[in-house]
Amino acid sequence: MHFIVIAAFILHGLAHLSGFMASWTRNSSGFSDRPWVLSTGVTLHSGVGHIFGVLWLVAAICSVGAGIGLAAQQPWWPVLAIVQAAVSLIVFLLPWRESVIAAVQ
């Protein structure tokens, strides 16, 4: 069971890299550059979109770090897991339309 949780953290973190890559490269990673739900001026490649790309990267680093910390039985891994969960919710819910499309693909 321990191995499954570690693998889930690490794989989830790797999946978060798609949001970073879509925002900072020409690789769409399943995302489109349509306006977000909350604002018609915010797109994946706008300034706000780049900030969200960095947040996707933070979530990825925290998730992989939590998996590594759990594997190494470090006392700090739950902190990274909580930060990852909070950041993950933010980057998933605010650009809702894009997140749902990417999650389904």
N, C-alpha and C. Protein backbone atom coordinates (compact mmCIF):
# COMPACT_ATOMS: atom_id res chain seq x y z
N MET A 1 0.82 -1.20 0.00
CA MET A 1 0.00 0.00 0.00
C MET A 1 0.87 1.27 0.00
N HIS A 2 1.94 1.22 0.73
CA HIS A 2 2.87 2.35 0.83
C HIS A 2 3.40 2.72 -0.56
N PHE A 3 3.76 1.71 -1.34
CA PHE A 3 4.30 1.93 -2.69
C PHE A 3 3.26 2.58 -3.60
N ILE A 4 2.00 2.22 -3.47
CA ILE A 4 0.94 2.77 -4.32
C ILE A 4 0.78 4.27 -4.06
N VAL A 5 0.83 4.68 -2.80
CA VAL A 5 0.69 6.09 -2.47
C VAL A 5 1.89 6.88 -2.98
N ILE A 6 3.08 6.33 -2.84
CA ILE A 6 4.29 6.98 -3.35
C ILE A 6 4.19 7.14 -4.86
N ALA A 7 3.81 6.08 -5.54
CA ALA A 7 3.68 6.14 -7.01
C ALA A 7 2.62 7.14 -7.42
N ALA A 8 1.51 7.21 -6.68
CA ALA A 8 0.45 8.16 -7.01
C ALA A 8 0.94 9.60 -6.89
N PHE A 9 1.67 9.91 -5.82
CA PHE A 9 2.23 11.25 -5.66
C PHE A 9 3.15 11.60 -6.83
N ILE A 10 4.05 10.71 -7.16
CA ILE A 10 5.03 11.00 -8.21
C ILE A 10 4.36 11.09 -9.58
N LEU A 11 3.46 10.19 -9.90
CA LEU A 11 2.78 10.25 -11.19
C LEU A 11 1.88 11.47 -11.30
N HIS A 12 1.22 11.82 -10.20
CA HIS A 12 0.38 13.02 -10.19
C HIS A 12 1.25 14.26 -10.45
N GLY A 13 2.41 14.30 -9.84
CA GLY A 13 3.32 15.41 -10.07
C GLY A 13 3.78 15.50 -11.51
N LEU A 14 4.09 14.37 -12.09
CA LEU A 14 4.49 14.36 -13.50
C LEU A 14 3.35 14.83 -14.40
N ALA A 15 2.12 14.48 -14.05
CA ALA A 15 0.96 14.91 -14.83
C ALA A 15 0.79 16.43 -14.77
N HIS A 16 1.14 17.03 -13.64
CA HIS A 16 1.04 18.48 -13.50
C HIS A 16 2.00 19.21 -14.43
N LEU A 17 3.03 18.56 -14.88
CA LEU A 17 3.96 19.21 -15.81
C LEU A 17 3.29 19.60 -17.12
N SER A 18 2.18 18.95 -17.47
CA SER A 18 1.48 19.29 -18.71
C SER A 18 0.97 20.72 -18.68
N GLY A 19 0.49 21.19 -17.53
CA GLY A 19 0.01 22.56 -17.42
C GLY A 19 1.14 23.57 -17.59
N PHE A 20 2.28 23.26 -17.00
CA PHE A 20 3.45 24.13 -17.16
C PHE A 20 3.90 24.15 -18.61
N MET A 21 4.02 23.00 -19.22
CA MET A 21 4.48 22.90 -20.61
C MET A 21 3.52 23.61 -21.56
N ALA A 22 2.23 23.47 -21.33
CA ALA A 22 1.24 24.10 -22.21
C ALA A 22 1.32 25.62 -22.13
N SER A 23 1.63 26.15 -20.96
CA SER A 23 1.68 27.59 -20.78
C SER A 23 2.98 28.21 -21.30
N TRP A 24 4.08 27.49 -21.20
CA TRP A 24 5.38 28.07 -21.50
C TRP A 24 6.00 27.59 -22.81
N THR A 25 5.38 26.65 -23.50
CA THR A 25 5.92 26.17 -24.77
C THR A 25 4.81 26.17 -25.83
N ARG A 26 5.14 25.80 -27.02
CA ARG A 26 4.13 25.67 -28.08
C ARG A 26 3.41 24.33 -28.01
N ASN A 27 3.86 23.44 -27.16
CA ASN A 27 3.22 22.13 -26.97
C ASN A 27 1.93 22.33 -26.18
N SER A 28 0.78 22.07 -26.78
CA SER A 28 -0.50 22.35 -26.13
C SER A 28 -0.82 21.38 -24.99
N SER A 29 -0.28 20.21 -24.99
CA SER A 29 -0.50 19.20 -23.94
C SER A 29 -1.98 18.98 -23.66
N GLY A 30 -2.83 19.11 -24.65
CA GLY A 30 -4.26 18.90 -24.47
C GLY A 30 -5.02 20.14 -24.08
N PHE A 31 -4.34 21.25 -23.86
CA PHE A 31 -5.00 22.51 -23.51
C PHE A 31 -5.20 23.33 -24.78
N SER A 32 -6.15 24.25 -24.74
CA SER A 32 -6.32 25.18 -25.85
C SER A 32 -6.08 26.59 -25.34
N ASP A 33 -5.91 27.53 -26.23
CA ASP A 33 -5.65 28.90 -25.84
C ASP A 33 -6.92 29.74 -25.86
N ARG A 34 -8.06 29.09 -25.67
CA ARG A 34 -9.33 29.83 -25.59
C ARG A 34 -9.38 30.60 -24.27
N PRO A 35 -10.18 31.67 -24.21
CA PRO A 35 -10.33 32.41 -22.95
C PRO A 35 -10.88 31.53 -21.84
N TRP A 36 -10.50 31.86 -20.61
CA TRP A 36 -10.94 31.10 -19.45
C TRP A 36 -12.36 31.49 -19.06
N VAL A 37 -12.94 30.75 -18.19
CA VAL A 37 -14.32 30.98 -17.76
C VAL A 37 -14.47 32.33 -17.06
N LEU A 38 -13.55 32.70 -16.20
CA LEU A 38 -13.70 33.90 -15.39
C LEU A 38 -13.38 35.19 -16.12
N SER A 39 -12.69 35.13 -17.23
CA SER A 39 -12.31 36.34 -17.95
C SER A 39 -12.05 36.00 -19.41
N THR A 40 -12.55 36.85 -20.29
CA THR A 40 -12.32 36.60 -21.71
C THR A 40 -10.92 37.03 -22.14
N GLY A 41 -10.24 37.85 -21.34
CA GLY A 41 -8.90 38.31 -21.71
C GLY A 41 -7.78 37.42 -21.21
N VAL A 42 -8.11 36.43 -20.41
CA VAL A 42 -7.09 35.55 -19.85
C VAL A 42 -7.03 34.27 -20.68
N THR A 43 -5.87 34.02 -21.25
CA THR A 43 -5.67 32.80 -22.02
C THR A 43 -4.43 32.09 -21.49
N LEU A 44 -4.17 30.93 -22.01
CA LEU A 44 -3.05 30.12 -21.55
C LEU A 44 -1.71 30.81 -21.74
N HIS A 45 -1.58 31.59 -22.80
CA HIS A 45 -0.30 32.23 -23.10
C HIS A 45 -0.25 33.71 -22.71
N SER A 46 -1.25 34.17 -21.95
CA SER A 46 -1.21 35.54 -21.44
C SER A 46 -0.34 35.57 -20.19
N GLY A 47 -0.14 36.76 -19.65
CA GLY A 47 0.66 36.90 -18.44
C GLY A 47 0.09 36.08 -17.28
N VAL A 48 -1.22 36.16 -17.09
CA VAL A 48 -1.86 35.38 -16.04
C VAL A 48 -1.73 33.88 -16.33
N GLY A 49 -1.83 33.52 -17.59
CA GLY A 49 -1.66 32.12 -17.98
C GLY A 49 -0.28 31.60 -17.62
N HIS A 50 0.73 32.45 -17.80
CA HIS A 50 2.10 32.06 -17.43
C HIS A 50 2.25 31.90 -15.92
N ILE A 51 1.57 32.77 -15.16
CA ILE A 51 1.59 32.61 -13.70
C ILE A 51 0.98 31.27 -13.31
N PHE A 52 -0.12 30.92 -13.96
CA PHE A 52 -0.72 29.62 -13.68
C PHE A 52 0.19 28.48 -14.11
N GLY A 53 0.96 28.69 -15.18
CA GLY A 53 1.93 27.68 -15.58
C GLY A 53 2.96 27.44 -14.49
N VAL A 54 3.41 28.52 -13.86
CA VAL A 54 4.37 28.39 -12.76
C VAL A 54 3.71 27.67 -11.58
N LEU A 55 2.44 27.96 -11.33
CA LEU A 55 1.73 27.26 -10.24
C LEU A 55 1.60 25.76 -10.54
N TRP A 56 1.38 25.42 -11.82
CA TRP A 56 1.36 24.00 -12.20
C TRP A 56 2.72 23.37 -11.88
N LEU A 57 3.80 24.10 -12.14
CA LEU A 57 5.14 23.59 -11.86
C LEU A 57 5.35 23.43 -10.34
N VAL A 58 4.88 24.39 -9.56
CA VAL A 58 4.98 24.29 -8.10
C VAL A 58 4.24 23.05 -7.61
N ALA A 59 3.03 22.83 -8.14
CA ALA A 59 2.26 21.65 -7.75
C ALA A 59 3.00 20.37 -8.13
N ALA A 60 3.64 20.37 -9.29
CA ALA A 60 4.39 19.19 -9.73
C ALA A 60 5.57 18.92 -8.80
N ILE A 61 6.31 19.96 -8.48
CA ILE A 61 7.47 19.79 -7.60
C ILE A 61 7.05 19.33 -6.21
N CYS A 62 5.97 19.92 -5.68
CA CYS A 62 5.50 19.52 -4.35
C CYS A 62 5.00 18.07 -4.34
N SER A 63 4.32 17.66 -5.40
CA SER A 63 3.79 16.30 -5.45
C SER A 63 4.91 15.27 -5.54
N VAL A 64 5.85 15.51 -6.43
CA VAL A 64 7.00 14.59 -6.55
C VAL A 64 7.81 14.61 -5.26
N GLY A 65 8.00 15.79 -4.70
CA GLY A 65 8.73 15.90 -3.44
C GLY A 65 8.04 15.16 -2.30
N ALA A 66 6.72 15.24 -2.25
CA ALA A 66 5.97 14.52 -1.21
C ALA A 66 6.14 13.01 -1.39
N GLY A 67 6.12 12.55 -2.64
CA GLY A 67 6.34 11.12 -2.89
C GLY A 67 7.73 10.67 -2.47
N ILE A 68 8.71 11.47 -2.80
CA ILE A 68 10.09 11.13 -2.42
C ILE A 68 10.24 11.20 -0.90
N GLY A 69 9.65 12.23 -0.29
CA GLY A 69 9.72 12.36 1.16
C GLY A 69 9.04 11.20 1.88
N LEU A 70 7.92 10.76 1.35
CA LEU A 70 7.23 9.60 1.94
C LEU A 70 8.08 8.35 1.79
N ALA A 71 8.67 8.18 0.62
CA ALA A 71 9.52 7.01 0.39
C ALA A 71 10.72 6.99 1.33
N ALA A 72 11.25 8.18 1.60
CA ALA A 72 12.41 8.28 2.48
C ALA A 72 12.01 8.42 3.96
N GLN A 73 10.71 8.37 4.22
CA GLN A 73 10.15 8.47 5.58
C GLN A 73 10.59 9.75 6.28
N GLN A 74 10.52 10.85 5.53
CA GLN A 74 10.86 12.16 6.07
C GLN A 74 9.63 12.77 6.75
N PRO A 75 9.82 13.52 7.82
CA PRO A 75 8.68 14.08 8.55
C PRO A 75 7.99 15.24 7.82
N TRP A 76 8.61 15.82 6.79
CA TRP A 76 8.07 16.99 6.11
C TRP A 76 7.19 16.66 4.91
N TRP A 77 7.07 15.39 4.54
CA TRP A 77 6.32 15.09 3.33
C TRP A 77 4.85 15.50 3.40
N PRO A 78 4.17 15.43 4.58
CA PRO A 78 2.76 15.87 4.59
C PRO A 78 2.59 17.35 4.28
N VAL A 79 3.57 18.17 4.65
CA VAL A 79 3.48 19.61 4.34
C VAL A 79 3.48 19.81 2.83
N LEU A 80 4.37 19.13 2.13
CA LEU A 80 4.39 19.23 0.67
C LEU A 80 3.10 18.70 0.05
N ALA A 81 2.57 17.64 0.62
CA ALA A 81 1.32 17.08 0.10
C ALA A 81 0.16 18.06 0.26
N ILE A 82 0.11 18.77 1.39
CA ILE A 82 -0.95 19.75 1.61
C ILE A 82 -0.79 20.95 0.68
N VAL A 83 0.44 21.43 0.54
CA VAL A 83 0.68 22.55 -0.39
C VAL A 83 0.32 22.14 -1.80
N GLN A 84 0.70 20.94 -2.19
CA GLN A 84 0.37 20.44 -3.53
C GLN A 84 -1.13 20.37 -3.74
N ALA A 85 -1.86 19.90 -2.75
CA ALA A 85 -3.31 19.79 -2.87
C ALA A 85 -3.95 21.17 -3.04
N ALA A 86 -3.50 22.14 -2.26
CA ALA A 86 -4.06 23.49 -2.35
C ALA A 86 -3.75 24.13 -3.71
N VAL A 87 -2.50 24.06 -4.14
CA VAL A 87 -2.11 24.65 -5.42
C VAL A 87 -2.80 23.92 -6.57
N SER A 88 -2.92 22.61 -6.46
CA SER A 88 -3.58 21.82 -7.49
C SER A 88 -5.03 22.24 -7.66
N LEU A 89 -5.72 22.48 -6.56
CA LEU A 89 -7.11 22.94 -6.64
C LEU A 89 -7.20 24.31 -7.31
N ILE A 90 -6.29 25.20 -6.98
CA ILE A 90 -6.30 26.54 -7.58
C ILE A 90 -6.11 26.46 -9.08
N VAL A 91 -5.10 25.71 -9.54
CA VAL A 91 -4.84 25.66 -10.97
C VAL A 91 -5.87 24.84 -11.73
N PHE A 92 -6.62 24.02 -11.01
CA PHE A 92 -7.66 23.22 -11.66
C PHE A 92 -8.98 23.97 -11.75
N LEU A 93 -9.34 24.67 -10.70
CA LEU A 93 -10.67 25.28 -10.64
C LEU A 93 -10.79 26.62 -11.36
N LEU A 94 -9.78 27.46 -11.29
CA LEU A 94 -9.92 28.79 -11.89
C LEU A 94 -10.01 28.76 -13.41
N PRO A 95 -9.13 28.05 -14.10
CA PRO A 95 -9.33 27.92 -15.55
C PRO A 95 -10.16 26.66 -15.84
N TRP A 96 -11.33 26.55 -15.22
CA TRP A 96 -12.13 25.32 -15.18
C TRP A 96 -12.29 24.65 -16.53
N ARG A 97 -12.67 25.40 -17.55
CA ARG A 97 -12.94 24.81 -18.86
C ARG A 97 -11.73 24.06 -19.39
N GLU A 98 -10.56 24.66 -19.31
CA GLU A 98 -9.36 24.03 -19.82
C GLU A 98 -8.95 22.83 -18.99
N SER A 99 -9.08 22.91 -17.67
CA SER A 99 -8.68 21.82 -16.80
C SER A 99 -9.52 20.58 -17.03
N VAL A 100 -10.80 20.76 -17.20
CA VAL A 100 -11.69 19.63 -17.41
C VAL A 100 -11.35 18.94 -18.73
N ILE A 101 -11.11 19.73 -19.76
CA ILE A 101 -10.77 19.16 -21.07
C ILE A 101 -9.46 18.37 -20.97
N ALA A 102 -8.46 18.94 -20.32
CA ALA A 102 -7.17 18.26 -20.20
C ALA A 102 -7.27 17.02 -19.33
N ALA A 103 -8.07 17.06 -18.29
CA ALA A 103 -8.20 15.92 -17.39
C ALA A 103 -8.90 14.75 -18.08
N VAL A 104 -9.81 15.05 -18.99
CA VAL A 104 -10.55 13.99 -19.67
C VAL A 104 -9.74 13.35 -20.77
N GLN A 105 -8.85 14.11 -21.39
CA GLN A 105 -8.10 13.58 -22.54
C GLN A 105 -7.06 12.60 -22.14
